[in-house]
N, C-alpha and C. Protein backbone atom coordinates (compact mmCIF):
# COMPACT_ATOMS: atom_id res chain seq x y z
N UNK A 1 0.84 -1.19 0.00
CA UNK A 1 0.00 0.00 0.00
C UNK A 1 0.89 1.25 0.00
N UNK A 2 0.51 2.22 -0.81
CA UNK A 2 1.29 3.46 -0.91
C UNK A 2 0.99 4.37 0.27
N UNK A 3 2.02 5.00 0.77
CA UNK A 3 1.84 6.00 1.82
C UNK A 3 1.13 7.21 1.21
N UNK A 4 0.57 8.05 2.05
CA UNK A 4 -0.08 9.27 1.56
C UNK A 4 0.91 10.13 0.79
N UNK A 5 2.15 10.17 1.25
CA UNK A 5 3.18 10.94 0.55
C UNK A 5 3.42 10.42 -0.85
N UNK A 6 3.48 9.10 -1.01
CA UNK A 6 3.70 8.49 -2.33
C UNK A 6 2.50 8.74 -3.26
N UNK A 7 1.29 8.70 -2.69
CA UNK A 7 0.09 8.96 -3.50
C UNK A 7 0.08 10.40 -4.00
N UNK A 8 0.42 11.33 -3.12
CA UNK A 8 0.47 12.74 -3.50
C UNK A 8 1.55 12.96 -4.55
N UNK A 9 2.69 12.33 -4.36
CA UNK A 9 3.80 12.44 -5.32
C UNK A 9 3.38 11.92 -6.70
N UNK A 10 2.69 10.78 -6.72
CA UNK A 10 2.22 10.22 -7.99
C UNK A 10 1.27 11.18 -8.69
N UNK A 11 0.33 11.74 -7.95
CA UNK A 11 -0.62 12.68 -8.56
C UNK A 11 0.10 13.93 -9.08
N UNK A 12 1.09 14.39 -8.35
CA UNK A 12 1.86 15.56 -8.78
C UNK A 12 2.59 15.27 -10.10
N UNK A 13 3.17 14.09 -10.21
CA UNK A 13 3.91 13.71 -11.41
C UNK A 13 2.98 13.57 -12.61
N UNK A 14 1.83 12.98 -12.39
CA UNK A 14 0.87 12.74 -13.48
C UNK A 14 0.18 14.04 -13.90
N UNK A 15 0.02 14.98 -12.98
CA UNK A 15 -0.81 16.17 -13.20
C UNK A 15 -0.15 17.21 -14.11
N UNK A 16 0.01 16.87 -15.35
CA UNK A 16 0.53 17.79 -16.36
C UNK A 16 -0.16 17.43 -17.67
N UNK A 17 -0.64 18.40 -18.43
CA UNK A 17 -1.37 18.09 -19.66
C UNK A 17 -0.62 17.18 -20.63
N UNK A 18 0.67 17.42 -20.81
CA UNK A 18 1.45 16.58 -21.74
C UNK A 18 1.57 15.17 -21.18
N UNK A 19 1.84 15.03 -19.90
CA UNK A 19 2.00 13.69 -19.33
C UNK A 19 0.69 12.91 -19.34
N UNK A 20 -0.43 13.59 -19.13
CA UNK A 20 -1.72 12.90 -19.21
C UNK A 20 -1.96 12.42 -20.63
N UNK A 21 -1.63 13.22 -21.63
CA UNK A 21 -1.79 12.79 -23.02
C UNK A 21 -0.87 11.62 -23.34
N UNK A 22 0.35 11.64 -22.82
CA UNK A 22 1.29 10.54 -23.02
C UNK A 22 0.70 9.26 -22.41
N UNK A 23 0.21 9.36 -21.19
CA UNK A 23 -0.34 8.18 -20.51
C UNK A 23 -1.59 7.66 -21.22
N UNK A 24 -2.42 8.57 -21.73
CA UNK A 24 -3.59 8.16 -22.52
C UNK A 24 -3.17 7.34 -23.73
N UNK A 25 -2.11 7.77 -24.40
CA UNK A 25 -1.61 7.04 -25.57
C UNK A 25 -1.05 5.68 -25.17
N UNK A 26 -0.36 5.64 -24.04
CA UNK A 26 0.23 4.37 -23.60
C UNK A 26 -0.84 3.36 -23.18
N UNK A 27 -2.04 3.84 -22.84
CA UNK A 27 -3.15 2.91 -22.56
C UNK A 27 -3.46 2.08 -23.81
N UNK A 28 -3.21 2.64 -24.98
CA UNK A 28 -3.49 1.96 -26.25
C UNK A 28 -2.40 0.96 -26.60
N UNK A 29 -1.21 1.09 -25.98
CA UNK A 29 -0.13 0.17 -26.27
C UNK A 29 1.23 0.86 -26.27
N UNK A 30 2.24 0.09 -26.60
CA UNK A 30 3.63 0.55 -26.60
C UNK A 30 3.82 1.64 -27.65
N UNK A 31 4.59 2.68 -27.27
CA UNK A 31 4.90 3.79 -28.18
C UNK A 31 6.36 4.18 -28.02
N UNK A 32 6.95 4.68 -29.12
CA UNK A 32 8.31 5.20 -29.02
C UNK A 32 8.25 6.73 -29.05
N UNK A 33 9.37 7.38 -28.76
CA UNK A 33 9.41 8.83 -28.64
C UNK A 33 8.88 9.52 -29.90
N UNK A 34 9.25 9.02 -31.06
CA UNK A 34 8.81 9.66 -32.31
C UNK A 34 7.29 9.61 -32.46
N UNK A 35 6.64 8.56 -31.93
CA UNK A 35 5.18 8.48 -31.96
C UNK A 35 4.59 9.65 -31.16
N UNK A 36 5.17 9.93 -30.00
CA UNK A 36 4.67 11.02 -29.16
C UNK A 36 4.93 12.37 -29.80
N UNK A 37 6.09 12.53 -30.41
CA UNK A 37 6.45 13.79 -31.07
C UNK A 37 5.39 14.20 -32.08
N UNK A 38 4.94 13.23 -32.87
CA UNK A 38 3.98 13.50 -33.93
C UNK A 38 2.65 14.01 -33.39
N UNK A 39 2.07 13.33 -32.41
CA UNK A 39 0.72 13.73 -31.98
C UNK A 39 0.74 14.84 -30.93
N UNK A 40 1.85 15.04 -30.23
CA UNK A 40 1.93 16.10 -29.23
C UNK A 40 2.39 17.43 -29.82
N UNK A 41 3.04 17.38 -30.96
CA UNK A 41 3.60 18.57 -31.61
C UNK A 41 4.57 19.31 -30.70
N UNK A 42 5.42 18.55 -30.00
CA UNK A 42 6.49 19.15 -29.20
C UNK A 42 7.79 18.45 -29.57
N UNK A 43 8.90 19.05 -29.20
CA UNK A 43 10.20 18.53 -29.60
C UNK A 43 10.52 17.20 -28.92
N UNK A 44 11.43 16.46 -29.55
CA UNK A 44 11.87 15.18 -29.01
C UNK A 44 12.49 15.35 -27.62
N UNK A 45 13.35 16.35 -27.39
CA UNK A 45 13.90 16.51 -26.05
C UNK A 45 12.83 16.77 -24.98
N UNK A 46 11.79 17.54 -25.35
CA UNK A 46 10.70 17.80 -24.41
C UNK A 46 9.93 16.52 -24.09
N UNK A 47 9.61 15.74 -25.11
CA UNK A 47 8.93 14.45 -24.91
C UNK A 47 9.79 13.57 -24.00
N UNK A 48 11.08 13.51 -24.28
CA UNK A 48 11.98 12.67 -23.50
C UNK A 48 12.04 13.10 -22.04
N UNK A 49 11.98 14.41 -21.77
CA UNK A 49 11.98 14.90 -20.39
C UNK A 49 10.75 14.40 -19.64
N UNK A 50 9.58 14.49 -20.28
CA UNK A 50 8.35 14.01 -19.64
C UNK A 50 8.41 12.51 -19.39
N UNK A 51 8.87 11.77 -20.38
CA UNK A 51 8.97 10.31 -20.23
C UNK A 51 9.99 9.95 -19.14
N UNK A 52 11.07 10.69 -19.07
CA UNK A 52 12.09 10.43 -18.06
C UNK A 52 11.53 10.62 -16.65
N UNK A 53 10.75 11.67 -16.46
CA UNK A 53 10.14 11.91 -15.15
C UNK A 53 9.15 10.80 -14.80
N UNK A 54 8.33 10.41 -15.77
CA UNK A 54 7.37 9.32 -15.54
C UNK A 54 8.10 8.02 -15.21
N UNK A 55 9.21 7.79 -15.87
CA UNK A 55 10.01 6.58 -15.60
C UNK A 55 10.67 6.65 -14.23
N UNK A 56 11.17 7.81 -13.87
CA UNK A 56 11.83 8.00 -12.57
C UNK A 56 10.88 7.65 -11.41
N UNK A 57 9.60 7.91 -11.59
CA UNK A 57 8.61 7.63 -10.55
C UNK A 57 7.91 6.28 -10.73
N UNK A 58 8.41 5.47 -11.67
CA UNK A 58 7.88 4.12 -11.84
C UNK A 58 6.53 4.02 -12.52
N UNK A 59 6.13 5.09 -13.20
CA UNK A 59 4.84 5.11 -13.88
C UNK A 59 4.94 4.38 -15.22
N UNK A 60 6.06 4.58 -15.93
CA UNK A 60 6.29 3.92 -17.21
C UNK A 60 7.68 3.28 -17.18
N UNK A 61 7.93 2.44 -18.17
CA UNK A 61 9.27 1.89 -18.38
C UNK A 61 9.44 1.74 -19.88
N UNK A 62 10.61 1.28 -20.31
CA UNK A 62 10.85 1.10 -21.74
C UNK A 62 11.74 -0.11 -21.97
N UNK A 63 11.75 -0.55 -23.23
CA UNK A 63 12.71 -1.54 -23.68
C UNK A 63 13.31 -1.02 -24.97
N UNK A 64 14.48 -1.50 -25.30
CA UNK A 64 15.16 -1.05 -26.51
C UNK A 64 14.81 -1.98 -27.67
N UNK A 65 14.46 -1.38 -28.80
CA UNK A 65 14.23 -2.11 -30.04
C UNK A 65 15.16 -1.48 -31.06
N UNK A 66 16.36 -2.03 -31.16
CA UNK A 66 17.40 -1.39 -31.98
C UNK A 66 17.81 -0.10 -31.29
N UNK A 67 17.60 1.01 -31.97
CA UNK A 67 17.93 2.31 -31.38
C UNK A 67 16.71 2.99 -30.76
N UNK A 68 15.55 2.38 -30.91
CA UNK A 68 14.31 2.98 -30.40
C UNK A 68 14.05 2.58 -28.95
N UNK A 69 13.61 3.54 -28.17
CA UNK A 69 13.11 3.25 -26.82
C UNK A 69 11.60 3.12 -26.93
N UNK A 70 11.10 1.96 -26.58
CA UNK A 70 9.67 1.68 -26.67
C UNK A 70 9.07 1.71 -25.27
N UNK A 71 8.21 2.69 -25.02
CA UNK A 71 7.65 2.92 -23.68
C UNK A 71 6.34 2.20 -23.48
N UNK A 72 6.10 1.82 -22.23
CA UNK A 72 4.85 1.14 -21.86
C UNK A 72 4.50 1.52 -20.42
N UNK A 73 3.21 1.38 -20.08
CA UNK A 73 2.75 1.66 -18.71
C UNK A 73 3.27 0.58 -17.78
N UNK A 74 3.63 1.00 -16.58
CA UNK A 74 4.15 0.06 -15.58
C UNK A 74 3.28 0.05 -14.32
N UNK A 75 2.84 1.22 -13.88
CA UNK A 75 2.08 1.35 -12.64
C UNK A 75 0.61 0.98 -12.89
N UNK A 76 0.08 -0.03 -12.21
CA UNK A 76 -1.27 -0.50 -12.48
C UNK A 76 -2.38 0.48 -12.08
N UNK A 77 -2.07 1.52 -11.33
CA UNK A 77 -3.11 2.47 -10.92
C UNK A 77 -3.41 3.50 -12.01
N UNK A 78 -2.51 3.66 -12.96
CA UNK A 78 -2.66 4.71 -13.98
C UNK A 78 -3.95 4.57 -14.80
N UNK A 79 -4.32 3.39 -15.29
CA UNK A 79 -5.60 3.31 -16.02
C UNK A 79 -6.79 3.75 -15.18
N UNK A 80 -6.78 3.44 -13.89
CA UNK A 80 -7.87 3.86 -13.01
C UNK A 80 -7.90 5.38 -12.85
N UNK A 81 -6.74 5.99 -12.66
CA UNK A 81 -6.67 7.45 -12.51
C UNK A 81 -7.19 8.13 -13.78
N UNK A 82 -6.75 7.65 -14.93
CA UNK A 82 -7.17 8.25 -16.19
C UNK A 82 -8.66 8.07 -16.43
N UNK A 83 -9.21 6.94 -16.03
CA UNK A 83 -10.64 6.69 -16.18
C UNK A 83 -11.45 7.67 -15.33
N UNK A 84 -11.02 7.90 -14.10
CA UNK A 84 -11.72 8.85 -13.22
C UNK A 84 -11.65 10.26 -13.82
N UNK A 85 -10.50 10.64 -14.35
CA UNK A 85 -10.36 11.98 -14.93
C UNK A 85 -11.24 12.19 -16.16
N UNK A 86 -11.60 11.11 -16.83
CA UNK A 86 -12.43 11.22 -18.04
C UNK A 86 -13.92 11.26 -17.73
N UNK A 87 -14.30 10.91 -16.51
CA UNK A 87 -15.72 10.88 -16.16
C UNK A 87 -16.33 12.27 -16.25
N UNK A 88 -17.57 12.31 -16.68
CA UNK A 88 -18.31 13.56 -16.78
C UNK A 88 -19.46 13.51 -15.78
N UNK A 89 -19.37 14.35 -14.77
CA UNK A 89 -20.38 14.38 -13.72
C UNK A 89 -21.42 15.45 -14.04
N UNK A 90 -22.68 15.09 -13.93
CA UNK A 90 -23.76 15.99 -14.30
C UNK A 90 -24.07 17.03 -13.23
N UNK A 91 -23.83 16.71 -11.98
CA UNK A 91 -24.16 17.66 -10.93
C UNK A 91 -23.21 17.53 -9.76
N UNK A 92 -23.23 18.53 -8.90
CA UNK A 92 -22.39 18.51 -7.71
C UNK A 92 -23.03 17.62 -6.65
N UNK A 93 -22.24 17.27 -5.65
CA UNK A 93 -22.77 16.53 -4.52
C UNK A 93 -23.72 17.43 -3.74
N UNK A 94 -24.76 16.87 -3.12
CA UNK A 94 -25.69 17.71 -2.36
C UNK A 94 -25.02 18.25 -1.09
N UNK A 95 -25.45 19.45 -0.68
CA UNK A 95 -24.94 20.04 0.54
C UNK A 95 -25.46 19.25 1.74
N UNK A 96 -24.68 19.16 2.82
CA UNK A 96 -25.15 18.43 4.00
C UNK A 96 -26.32 19.16 4.66
N UNK A 97 -27.12 18.42 5.40
CA UNK A 97 -28.29 18.99 6.06
C UNK A 97 -27.92 20.10 7.03
N UNK A 98 -26.73 20.04 7.63
CA UNK A 98 -26.33 21.05 8.61
C UNK A 98 -25.68 22.27 7.97
N UNK A 99 -25.71 22.35 6.67
CA UNK A 99 -25.01 23.38 5.92
C UNK A 99 -25.73 24.72 5.97
N UNK A 100 -25.00 25.84 6.11
CA UNK A 100 -25.63 27.16 6.08
C UNK A 100 -26.38 27.43 4.77
N UNK A 101 -25.98 26.75 3.70
CA UNK A 101 -26.65 26.93 2.42
C UNK A 101 -28.08 26.39 2.48
N UNK A 102 -28.23 25.21 3.09
CA UNK A 102 -29.57 24.61 3.17
C UNK A 102 -30.35 25.15 4.36
N UNK A 103 -29.64 25.75 5.32
CA UNK A 103 -30.22 26.33 6.53
C UNK A 103 -31.06 25.31 7.31
N UNK A 104 -30.59 24.08 7.33
CA UNK A 104 -31.27 23.02 8.06
C UNK A 104 -30.27 22.32 8.97
N UNK A 105 -30.75 21.75 10.04
CA UNK A 105 -29.96 20.89 10.89
C UNK A 105 -28.87 21.62 11.65
N UNK A 106 -28.13 20.83 12.42
CA UNK A 106 -26.99 21.34 13.17
C UNK A 106 -25.81 20.44 12.92
N UNK A 107 -24.64 20.98 13.14
CA UNK A 107 -23.40 20.23 12.94
C UNK A 107 -23.37 19.05 13.89
N UNK A 108 -23.13 17.82 13.38
CA UNK A 108 -23.18 16.63 14.23
C UNK A 108 -21.99 16.47 15.17
N UNK A 109 -20.91 17.18 14.92
CA UNK A 109 -19.72 17.06 15.77
C UNK A 109 -19.73 18.08 16.90
N UNK A 110 -18.66 18.08 17.64
CA UNK A 110 -18.51 19.03 18.74
C UNK A 110 -18.02 20.36 18.19
N UNK A 111 -18.67 21.44 18.58
CA UNK A 111 -18.27 22.77 18.12
C UNK A 111 -17.04 23.24 18.89
N UNK A 112 -16.09 23.78 18.18
CA UNK A 112 -14.88 24.32 18.80
C UNK A 112 -14.81 25.81 18.53
N UNK A 113 -14.47 26.56 19.51
CA UNK A 113 -14.40 28.02 19.32
C UNK A 113 -13.08 28.56 19.68
């Protein structure tokens, strides 16, 4: 089980638009740097920096195919994280009964002043 610190670190590493797009592509299968360059429209060194960070934190790994580095997902939680991020929620959660917005009820805990 991951510590809270490791979970926060993982979310921090994943939380970048380019890295999320990279991870979305890796859900489809193995990709090399040139594959990412084409669809991301960013330079090879920039793609490599993002992949290096993801690899450093154990999110992805690669194998060599000749001179190509072929990247793949390694951390099993990534598909779940990406699935949650893609969900479209129609409404917010309801306010609690003790909420000043609903003007009903009282706070169930002990009040501290």
